C-alpha atoms as a PDB file:
ATOM      1  CA  MET A   1     -20.041 288.477 -36.620  1.00  0.00           C
ATOM      2  CA  PRO A   2     -16.805 289.771 -38.212  1.00  0.00           C
ATOM      3  CA  SER A   3     -16.297 288.364 -41.689  1.00  0.00           C
ATOM      4  CA  SER A   4     -14.244 289.620 -44.582  1.00  0.00           C
ATOM      5  CA  VAL A   5     -17.061 288.444 -47.084  1.00  0.00           C
ATOM      6  CA  ILE A   6     -20.387 287.988 -45.277  1.00  0.00           C
ATOM      7  CA  ARG A   7     -22.220 291.011 -43.899  1.00  0.00           C
ATOM      8  CA  SER A   8     -25.051 289.073 -42.265  1.00  0.00           C
ATOM      9  CA  PHE A   9     -27.006 285.830 -42.386  1.00  0.00           C
ATOM     10  CA  ALA A  10     -30.291 284.494 -40.935  1.00  0.00           C
ATOM     11  CA  TYR A  11     -31.826 281.070 -40.885  1.00  0.00           C
ATOM     12  CA  ASP A  12     -35.539 280.131 -41.052  1.00  0.00           C
ATOM     13  CA  PRO A  13     -35.842 276.617 -39.548  1.00  0.00           C
ATOM     14  CA  ALA A  14     -39.454 276.130 -40.708  1.00  0.00           C
ATOM     15  CA  ALA A  15     -38.450 276.819 -44.327  1.00  0.00           C
ATOM     16  CA  HIS A  16     -34.982 275.358 -44.095  1.00  0.00           C
ATOM     17  CA  ARG A  17     -33.820 278.587 -45.785  1.00  0.00           C
ATOM     18  CA  LEU A  18     -30.528 280.400 -45.119  1.00  0.00           C
ATOM     19  CA  ASP A  19     -30.377 284.070 -46.164  1.00  0.00           C
ATOM     20  CA  VAL A  20     -26.939 285.470 -46.704  1.00  0.00           C
ATOM     21  CA  ARG A  21     -25.932 289.024 -47.403  1.00  0.00           C
ATOM     22  CA  PHE A  22     -22.427 289.647 -48.590  1.00  0.00           C
ATOM     23  CA  LEU A  23     -20.301 292.750 -48.116  1.00  0.00           C
ATOM     24  CA  THR A  24     -20.844 293.480 -51.781  1.00  0.00           C
ATOM     25  CA  GLY A  25     -24.536 294.089 -50.948  1.00  0.00           C
ATOM     26  CA  ARG A  26     -25.654 290.990 -52.878  1.00  0.00           C
ATOM     27  CA  ALA A  27     -28.150 288.802 -50.969  1.00  0.00           C
ATOM     28  CA  TYR A  28     -29.073 285.182 -51.611  1.00  0.00           C
ATOM     29  CA  SER A  29     -31.502 282.673 -50.156  1.00  0.00           C
ATOM     30  CA  TYR A  30     -30.247 279.081 -50.053  1.00  0.00           C
ATOM     31  CA  GLU A  31     -33.018 276.473 -49.977  1.00  0.00           C
ATOM     32  CA  GLY A  32     -32.982 273.111 -48.232  1.00  0.00           C
ATOM     33  CA  VAL A  33     -30.287 273.914 -45.726  1.00  0.00           C
ATOM     34  CA  PRO A  34     -30.401 271.550 -42.772  1.00  0.00           C
ATOM     35  CA  GLU A  35     -30.441 273.235 -39.283  1.00  0.00           C
ATOM     36  CA  GLU A  36     -27.152 271.571 -38.375  1.00  0.00           C
ATOM     37  CA  ILE A  37     -25.427 273.380 -41.351  1.00  0.00           C
ATOM     38  CA  ALA A  38     -26.866 276.708 -40.215  1.00  0.00           C
ATOM     39  CA  GLU A  39     -25.784 276.031 -36.658  1.00  0.00           C
ATOM     40  CA  GLY A  40     -22.354 275.137 -37.930  1.00  0.00           C
ATOM     41  CA  MET A  41     -22.166 278.502 -39.740  1.00  0.00           C
ATOM     42  CA  ARG A  42     -23.215 280.322 -36.467  1.00  0.00           C
ATOM     43  CA  ARG A  43     -20.362 278.652 -34.590  1.00  0.00           C
ATOM     44  CA  ALA A  44     -17.729 278.871 -37.307  1.00  0.00           C
ATOM     45  CA  SER A  45     -14.850 281.206 -36.595  1.00  0.00           C
ATOM     46  CA  SER A  46     -14.611 281.944 -40.292  1.00  0.00           C
ATOM     47  CA  LYS A  47     -18.059 282.438 -41.802  1.00  0.00           C
ATOM     48  CA  GLY A  48     -16.719 282.778 -45.259  1.00  0.00           C
ATOM     49  CA  ARG A  49     -14.614 279.650 -45.176  1.00  0.00           C
ATOM     50  CA  PHE A  50     -17.506 277.652 -43.747  1.00  0.00           C
ATOM     51  CA  PHE A  51     -19.860 279.035 -46.386  1.00  0.00           C
ATOM     52  CA  ASN A  52     -17.494 278.054 -49.199  1.00  0.00           C
ATOM     53  CA  ALA A  53     -16.948 274.610 -47.849  1.00  0.00           C
ATOM     54  CA  PHE A  54     -20.460 273.637 -46.779  1.00  0.00           C
ATOM     55  CA  ILE A  55     -23.082 275.852 -48.549  1.00  0.00           C
ATOM     56  CA  ARG A  56     -21.755 277.399 -51.818  1.00  0.00           C
ATOM     57  CA  ASP A  57     -22.501 275.163 -54.830  1.00  0.00           C
ATOM     58  CA  ARG A  58     -24.248 272.620 -52.544  1.00  0.00           C
ATOM     59  CA  PHE A  59     -27.782 274.151 -52.253  1.00  0.00           C
ATOM     60  CA  PRO A  60     -30.154 275.701 -54.683  1.00  0.00           C
ATOM     61  CA  PHE A  61     -30.412 279.491 -54.332  1.00  0.00           C
ATOM     62  CA  VAL A  62     -32.137 282.558 -55.546  1.00  0.00           C
ATOM     63  CA  ARG A  63     -30.784 286.082 -55.611  1.00  0.00           C
ATOM     64  CA  ARG A  64     -32.585 288.644 -53.489  1.00  0.00           C
ATOM     65  CA  ARG A  65     -32.659 292.354 -53.778  1.00  0.00           C
END
C-alpha cells in the first residue's frame, strides 16, 4: 500500500471504525465510516487523496497513541 502520507489503515466493519496511521506516526480512529467508504479507500490508487476527499473533516475522530 504505497502512499506518501498514510502508513497503514484498518477497518472494523462491526464498529464502522477506520483506523489510520500516518507516516508522521500519528494514528486516528474515524467513527461511523460506512463499509463502502472503507472499500473505496482500499481500492483507491491514491490513499491520501481518497482520505482527503471522503474521510477527512467528514467523520468524527479520536487520536490514538
